[in-house]
N, C-alpha and C. Protein backbone atom coordinates (compact mmCIF):
# COMPACT_ATOMS: atom_id res chain seq x y z
N MET A 1 -12.34 -98.72 1.29
CA MET A 1 -11.49 -97.45 2.22
C MET A 1 -10.82 -97.79 3.16
N VAL A 2 -9.87 -97.55 3.26
CA VAL A 2 -8.86 -97.68 4.39
C VAL A 2 -8.69 -96.75 5.47
N THR A 3 -8.77 -97.43 7.14
CA THR A 3 -8.58 -96.52 7.98
C THR A 3 -7.23 -96.06 8.58
N LEU A 4 -6.92 -94.87 8.43
CA LEU A 4 -5.22 -94.46 9.05
C LEU A 4 -5.09 -93.95 10.25
N ILE A 5 -4.64 -94.72 11.51
CA ILE A 5 -4.96 -94.43 12.66
C ILE A 5 -3.35 -93.62 12.84
N TYR A 6 -3.36 -92.48 13.62
CA TYR A 6 -2.04 -91.66 13.34
C TYR A 6 -2.19 -91.04 15.01
N ASP A 7 -0.88 -90.46 15.20
CA ASP A 7 -0.79 -89.98 16.74
C ASP A 7 -1.50 -88.39 16.57
N GLY A 8 -2.64 -88.31 16.82
CA GLY A 8 -3.49 -86.85 16.61
C GLY A 8 -2.87 -85.97 17.63
N GLY A 9 -1.91 -85.83 18.85
CA GLY A 9 -1.28 -85.22 19.37
C GLY A 9 0.32 -84.75 18.91
N CYS A 10 0.53 -85.02 17.90
CA CYS A 10 1.71 -84.75 17.38
C CYS A 10 1.61 -83.90 15.78
N PRO A 11 2.49 -82.87 16.08
CA PRO A 11 2.33 -81.87 15.07
C PRO A 11 2.80 -82.45 13.33
N LEU A 12 3.61 -82.87 13.82
CA LEU A 12 4.39 -83.84 12.35
C LEU A 12 3.33 -84.54 11.95
N CYS A 13 2.83 -85.44 12.73
CA CYS A 13 1.76 -86.24 12.37
C CYS A 13 0.49 -85.65 11.62
N GLN A 14 0.15 -84.70 12.18
CA GLN A 14 -0.91 -83.97 12.05
C GLN A 14 -0.77 -83.56 10.41
N ARG A 15 0.27 -82.85 10.32
CA ARG A 15 0.87 -82.29 9.16
C ARG A 15 0.89 -83.37 7.91
N ALA A 16 1.65 -84.57 8.26
CA ALA A 16 1.66 -85.64 7.45
C ALA A 16 0.04 -86.34 7.04
N MET A 17 -0.71 -86.13 7.75
CA MET A 17 -2.10 -86.59 7.55
C MET A 17 -3.07 -85.76 6.78
N ARG A 18 -2.37 -84.68 6.80
CA ARG A 18 -3.26 -83.31 5.68
C ARG A 18 -2.49 -83.52 4.47
N TRP A 19 -1.61 -83.62 4.55
CA TRP A 19 -0.68 -83.78 2.98
C TRP A 19 -1.34 -85.18 2.63
N VAL A 20 -1.44 -86.06 3.14
CA VAL A 20 -2.28 -87.41 2.57
C VAL A 20 -3.45 -87.01 2.16
N GLU A 21 -4.30 -86.28 3.02
CA GLU A 21 -5.55 -86.03 2.67
C GLU A 21 -5.92 -85.12 1.05
N ARG A 22 -4.84 -84.28 1.39
CA ARG A 22 -5.10 -83.29 0.35
C ARG A 22 -4.82 -84.18 -1.28
N ARG A 23 -3.99 -85.28 -1.26
CA ARG A 23 -3.38 -85.98 -2.46
C ARG A 23 -4.13 -87.37 -2.46
N ALA A 24 -4.87 -87.71 -1.61
CA ALA A 24 -5.72 -88.54 -1.75
C ALA A 24 -6.50 -88.55 -2.59
N LEU A 25 -6.70 -90.06 -3.50
CA LEU A 25 -7.84 -90.21 -4.88
C LEU A 25 -8.99 -90.35 -3.67
N PRO A 26 -10.47 -89.87 -4.41
CA PRO A 26 -11.73 -90.07 -3.65
C PRO A 26 -12.33 -91.14 -3.16
N GLY A 27 -12.41 -91.09 -1.93
CA GLY A 27 -13.11 -92.18 -1.04
C GLY A 27 -12.01 -93.16 -0.57
N GLN A 28 -10.43 -92.75 -0.57
CA GLN A 28 -9.39 -93.99 0.09
C GLN A 28 -9.31 -94.26 1.37
N PHE A 29 -9.44 -92.88 2.16
CA PHE A 29 -8.44 -93.10 3.77
C PHE A 29 -10.05 -92.20 4.22
N GLU A 30 -9.63 -92.95 5.62
CA GLU A 30 -10.83 -92.33 6.56
C GLU A 30 -9.33 -92.31 7.58
N PHE A 31 -9.57 -91.21 8.23
CA PHE A 31 -7.97 -90.50 9.42
C PHE A 31 -9.06 -90.65 10.64
N LEU A 32 -8.28 -91.18 11.65
CA LEU A 32 -8.70 -91.37 13.27
C LEU A 32 -7.55 -91.34 13.89
N PRO A 33 -7.51 -90.12 14.87
CA PRO A 33 -6.59 -89.96 15.76
C PRO A 33 -6.39 -91.17 16.57
N CYS A 34 -5.55 -91.47 17.14
CA CYS A 34 -4.90 -92.87 18.20
C CYS A 34 -5.69 -92.82 19.40
N ARG A 35 -5.49 -91.65 19.74
CA ARG A 35 -6.57 -91.45 21.49
C ARG A 35 -8.00 -90.97 21.01
N SER A 36 -8.32 -90.97 20.01
CA SER A 36 -10.11 -90.73 19.89
C SER A 36 -10.78 -91.92 20.43
N ARG A 37 -11.99 -91.23 20.97
CA ARG A 37 -12.84 -92.21 21.13
C ARG A 37 -13.08 -93.55 20.01
N GLU A 38 -13.60 -92.41 18.83
CA GLU A 38 -14.20 -93.43 17.83
C GLU A 38 -13.08 -94.83 17.57
N ARG A 39 -11.82 -94.32 17.70
CA ARG A 39 -10.80 -95.28 16.97
C ARG A 39 -10.76 -96.25 18.72
N ARG A 40 -11.04 -96.03 19.46
CA ARG A 40 -11.19 -96.78 21.06
C ARG A 40 -12.10 -97.90 20.67
N GLU A 41 -13.46 -97.08 19.99
CA GLU A 41 -14.61 -97.78 20.34
C GLU A 41 -14.67 -98.86 19.08
N ARG A 42 -13.98 -98.64 17.83
CA ARG A 42 -13.82 -99.43 16.45
C ARG A 42 -12.47 -100.82 16.52
N PHE A 43 -11.63 -100.07 17.17
CA PHE A 43 -10.60 -101.09 16.90
C PHE A 43 -9.87 -101.01 18.72
N PRO A 44 -10.80 -101.77 19.88
CA PRO A 44 -10.57 -101.74 21.15
C PRO A 44 -9.31 -102.94 20.91
N TRP A 45 -9.17 -103.73 20.18
CA TRP A 45 -8.01 -104.66 20.44
C TRP A 45 -6.71 -103.99 20.13
N MET A 46 -6.64 -102.55 19.40
CA MET A 46 -5.46 -102.04 19.28
C MET A 46 -5.10 -100.92 20.88
N PRO A 47 -4.07 -101.71 21.24
CA PRO A 47 -3.95 -100.54 22.40
C PRO A 47 -2.98 -98.96 22.07
N ASP A 48 -3.28 -98.10 22.52
CA ASP A 48 -3.00 -96.59 22.01
C ASP A 48 -1.21 -96.67 22.24
N GLU A 49 -0.56 -97.62 23.14
CA GLU A 49 0.97 -97.48 23.08
C GLU A 49 1.11 -97.98 21.04
N THR A 50 0.31 -98.95 20.54
CA THR A 50 0.79 -99.62 19.65
C THR A 50 0.43 -98.40 18.31
N CYS A 51 -0.60 -97.67 18.50
CA CYS A 51 -0.63 -96.79 17.72
C CYS A 51 -0.36 -95.13 17.71
N LEU A 52 0.38 -95.03 18.99
CA LEU A 52 1.39 -94.25 19.14
C LEU A 52 2.75 -94.43 18.78
N ALA A 53 3.35 -95.83 19.01
CA ALA A 53 4.62 -95.82 18.33
C ALA A 53 4.82 -95.61 16.67
N ALA A 54 3.46 -96.17 15.85
CA ALA A 54 3.59 -96.04 14.43
C ALA A 54 2.28 -96.02 13.90
N LEU A 55 1.99 -95.56 12.97
CA LEU A 55 0.97 -95.23 12.33
C LEU A 55 0.40 -96.47 11.93
N GLN A 56 -0.78 -96.61 11.83
CA GLN A 56 -1.61 -97.85 11.60
C GLN A 56 -2.34 -97.91 10.48
N LEU A 57 -2.24 -98.72 9.36
CA LEU A 57 -3.48 -98.57 8.41
C LEU A 57 -4.02 -99.92 8.47
N VAL A 58 -5.33 -99.94 8.45
CA VAL A 58 -6.44 -101.12 8.66
C VAL A 58 -6.63 -100.95 7.36
N LEU A 59 -6.75 -102.29 6.63
CA LEU A 59 -7.34 -102.49 5.01
C LEU A 59 -8.80 -102.77 5.52
N PRO A 60 -9.40 -102.86 4.34
CA PRO A 60 -10.65 -103.03 4.38
C PRO A 60 -10.98 -104.95 4.57
N ASN A 61 -9.83 -105.74 4.40
CA ASN A 61 -9.94 -107.14 5.00
C ASN A 61 -9.47 -107.25 6.68
N GLY A 62 -9.25 -106.23 7.03
CA GLY A 62 -9.23 -106.30 8.88
C GLY A 62 -7.25 -106.33 8.67
N ARG A 63 -6.72 -106.56 7.87
CA ARG A 63 -5.29 -106.59 7.98
C ARG A 63 -4.87 -105.47 8.30
N VAL A 64 -3.75 -105.16 9.03
CA VAL A 64 -3.27 -103.89 9.46
C VAL A 64 -1.56 -103.71 8.97
N LEU A 65 -1.21 -102.46 8.66
CA LEU A 65 -0.12 -102.21 8.44
C LEU A 65 0.28 -101.79 8.88
N ALA A 66 1.79 -101.39 9.63
CA ALA A 66 2.33 -100.47 10.48
C ALA A 66 3.38 -99.60 10.27
N GLY A 67 3.41 -98.70 10.40
CA GLY A 67 4.64 -97.98 10.26
C GLY A 67 5.31 -98.10 8.63
N ASP A 68 6.50 -98.19 8.43
CA ASP A 68 7.26 -98.10 7.09
C ASP A 68 6.13 -99.12 6.31
N ALA A 69 5.48 -100.49 6.75
CA ALA A 69 5.24 -101.24 5.94
C ALA A 69 3.76 -100.63 5.39
N ALA A 70 3.14 -99.70 5.89
CA ALA A 70 1.85 -98.98 5.11
C ALA A 70 1.88 -97.64 4.12
N ILE A 71 3.36 -97.60 4.09
CA ILE A 71 4.11 -96.53 3.22
C ILE A 71 3.39 -96.56 1.72
N PRO A 72 3.61 -97.79 1.32
CA PRO A 72 3.71 -98.03 -0.35
C PRO A 72 1.99 -98.44 -0.89
N GLU A 73 1.50 -98.91 0.56
CA GLU A 73 0.40 -98.72 0.21
C GLU A 73 -0.62 -97.67 0.10
N ILE A 74 -0.10 -96.72 1.06
CA ILE A 74 -0.64 -95.42 1.29
C ILE A 74 -0.22 -94.65 0.13
N LEU A 75 0.88 -94.70 -0.64
CA LEU A 75 1.42 -94.22 -1.64
C LEU A 75 0.62 -94.46 -2.99
N ARG A 76 0.02 -95.96 -3.15
CA ARG A 76 -0.88 -96.26 -4.15
C ARG A 76 -2.29 -95.64 -4.26
N ARG A 77 -2.66 -95.07 -3.20
CA ARG A 77 -3.85 -94.71 -3.03
C ARG A 77 -4.18 -92.86 -3.24
N LEU A 78 -2.65 -92.39 -3.66
CA LEU A 78 -2.55 -90.77 -4.09
C LEU A 78 -2.46 -90.49 -5.28
N ARG A 79 -3.00 -89.56 -5.49
CA ARG A 79 -2.77 -88.88 -6.67
C ARG A 79 -1.41 -88.33 -7.09
N GLY A 80 -0.84 -88.96 -8.34
CA GLY A 80 0.64 -88.33 -8.88
C GLY A 80 1.57 -89.16 -7.77
N ARG A 81 1.15 -90.09 -6.99
CA ARG A 81 2.33 -90.22 -5.91
C ARG A 81 2.34 -92.04 -6.28
N ARG A 82 1.81 -92.37 -6.78
CA ARG A 82 1.72 -93.95 -6.82
C ARG A 82 2.59 -94.88 -7.47
N TRP A 83 3.43 -94.34 -8.49
CA TRP A 83 4.63 -94.52 -8.55
C TRP A 83 5.97 -94.62 -7.70
N LEU A 84 5.18 -94.03 -6.69
CA LEU A 84 6.53 -94.00 -5.39
C LEU A 84 6.54 -95.22 -4.41
N ALA A 85 5.54 -95.81 -4.93
CA ALA A 85 5.23 -97.21 -3.86
C ALA A 85 6.16 -98.04 -4.95
N ALA A 86 6.67 -98.20 -5.84
CA ALA A 86 7.52 -99.27 -6.43
C ALA A 86 8.83 -98.99 -5.76
N LEU A 87 9.32 -97.70 -5.28
CA LEU A 87 10.70 -97.34 -4.79
C LEU A 87 10.98 -98.33 -3.73
N PHE A 88 9.44 -99.01 -3.13
CA PHE A 88 10.06 -99.75 -1.64
C PHE A 88 10.35 -101.19 -1.81
N ARG A 89 10.40 -101.44 -3.13
CA ARG A 89 10.51 -102.63 -4.03
C ARG A 89 12.17 -102.89 -4.17
N ILE A 90 12.75 -101.63 -4.38
CA ILE A 90 14.49 -101.59 -4.62
C ILE A 90 15.32 -102.03 -3.11
N PRO A 91 16.25 -103.00 -4.00
CA PRO A 91 16.91 -103.95 -2.69
C PRO A 91 17.62 -102.62 -1.99
N GLY A 92 17.44 -102.99 -0.44
CA GLY A 92 17.73 -102.27 0.28
C GLY A 92 16.99 -101.58 1.06
N VAL A 93 16.08 -100.98 0.53
CA VAL A 93 15.09 -99.92 1.09
C VAL A 93 14.61 -101.02 2.44
N GLY A 94 14.43 -102.52 2.03
CA GLY A 94 13.64 -103.08 2.95
C GLY A 94 13.95 -102.97 4.66
N TRP A 95 15.59 -102.83 4.16
CA TRP A 95 16.52 -102.98 5.47
C TRP A 95 16.68 -101.57 5.81
N LEU A 96 16.62 -100.51 5.16
CA LEU A 96 16.50 -98.92 5.60
C LEU A 96 15.24 -98.53 6.30
N GLY A 97 14.36 -98.80 5.15
CA GLY A 97 12.96 -98.61 5.70
C GLY A 97 12.33 -98.65 7.13
N PRO A 98 12.37 -99.20 7.72
CA PRO A 98 12.04 -99.62 8.88
C PRO A 98 12.74 -98.91 9.89
N ARG A 99 14.08 -98.72 9.72
CA ARG A 99 14.97 -98.15 10.61
C ARG A 99 14.82 -96.78 10.55
N ALA A 100 14.60 -96.10 9.18
CA ALA A 100 14.57 -94.46 9.06
C ALA A 100 13.11 -94.30 9.72
N TYR A 101 11.85 -95.42 9.66
CA TYR A 101 11.06 -94.93 9.96
C TYR A 101 10.86 -94.85 11.47
N ARG A 102 11.58 -95.99 12.07
CA ARG A 102 11.61 -95.98 13.64
C ARG A 102 12.45 -94.46 14.15
N TRP A 103 13.55 -94.34 13.29
CA TRP A 103 13.90 -93.04 13.79
C TRP A 103 13.00 -91.77 14.00
N VAL A 104 12.49 -91.52 12.76
CA VAL A 104 11.68 -90.43 12.96
C VAL A 104 10.21 -90.56 13.66
N ALA A 105 9.78 -91.80 14.09
CA ALA A 105 8.79 -91.96 14.64
C ALA A 105 9.12 -91.72 16.12
N ARG A 106 10.27 -91.61 16.52
CA ARG A 106 10.88 -91.66 18.25
C ARG A 106 11.32 -90.21 18.27
N HIS A 107 11.66 -89.52 17.39
CA HIS A 107 12.04 -88.14 17.35
C HIS A 107 10.95 -87.26 16.77
N ARG A 108 9.71 -87.59 16.55
CA ARG A 108 8.67 -87.07 15.70
C ARG A 108 8.44 -85.27 16.30
N HIS A 109 8.30 -85.52 17.47
CA HIS A 109 8.04 -84.32 18.35
C HIS A 109 9.12 -83.25 18.62
N VAL A 110 10.67 -83.85 18.50
CA VAL A 110 11.49 -82.80 18.49
C VAL A 110 11.38 -82.42 16.77
N ILE A 111 11.15 -83.11 16.12
CA ILE A 111 11.31 -82.77 14.37
C ILE A 111 10.34 -81.69 14.17
N SER A 112 9.01 -82.00 14.93
CA SER A 112 7.76 -81.10 14.85
C SER A 112 8.40 -79.90 15.56
N CYS A 113 8.72 -79.51 17.04
CA CYS A 113 9.65 -78.49 16.98
C CYS A 113 10.46 -77.67 16.34
N ALA A 114 11.56 -78.63 15.25
CA ALA A 114 12.40 -77.72 14.72
C ALA A 114 11.55 -77.46 13.33
N PHE A 115 10.16 -77.85 12.94
CA PHE A 115 9.99 -77.19 11.87
C PHE A 115 9.25 -75.76 11.86
N SER A 116 8.60 -76.05 13.08
CA SER A 116 7.84 -74.66 14.12
C SER A 116 8.68 -73.76 14.07
N ALA A 117 10.38 -73.77 14.49
CA ALA A 117 11.13 -73.01 14.77
C ALA A 117 11.37 -72.20 13.12
N SER A 118 11.82 -73.23 12.56
CA SER A 118 12.40 -72.51 11.40
C SER A 118 11.05 -72.00 10.58
N ARG A 119 9.74 -72.03 10.84
CA ARG A 119 8.61 -71.47 10.15
C ARG A 119 8.73 -70.16 10.77
N SER A 120 9.24 -70.11 11.84
CA SER A 120 8.82 -68.61 12.81
C SER A 120 9.47 -67.60 12.51
N VAL A 121 11.11 -68.15 12.13
CA VAL A 121 12.01 -67.54 11.60
C VAL A 121 11.71 -67.02 10.02
N LYS A 122 11.37 -67.83 9.91
CA LYS A 122 11.17 -67.55 8.00
C LYS A 122 10.02 -66.38 8.15
N ALA A 123 8.99 -66.29 8.74
CA ALA A 123 7.80 -65.54 8.83
C ALA A 123 8.29 -63.98 9.42
N ARG A 124 9.95 -63.85 10.31
CA ARG A 124 9.90 -62.55 10.41
C ARG A 124 10.30 -61.96 9.62
């Protein structure tokens, strides 16, 4: 089992974790909000700033994959999405992936608001 640490105060991050949880192979993930007491007790060496800046995937051997580096490993643990992990080996993805992830991470609260606004317009 891996531990996925995420920004629990971010609606976009919460939705992403629910998406992963619905598709996860049984027993693959444990989800911990960054600012939770449990995360601070179990991973005291990880400052809040680190797990608020990017999701952190803690592997069973203790190795940590952060942000875009965690995505292929997450995909390998999902039903029907494992093949997507291979896309991260395509030339250019190694250059583009980190930049795209950082942009989304920096703007996640604005993106969350935009999704919420578009949903409320559709509901009318």
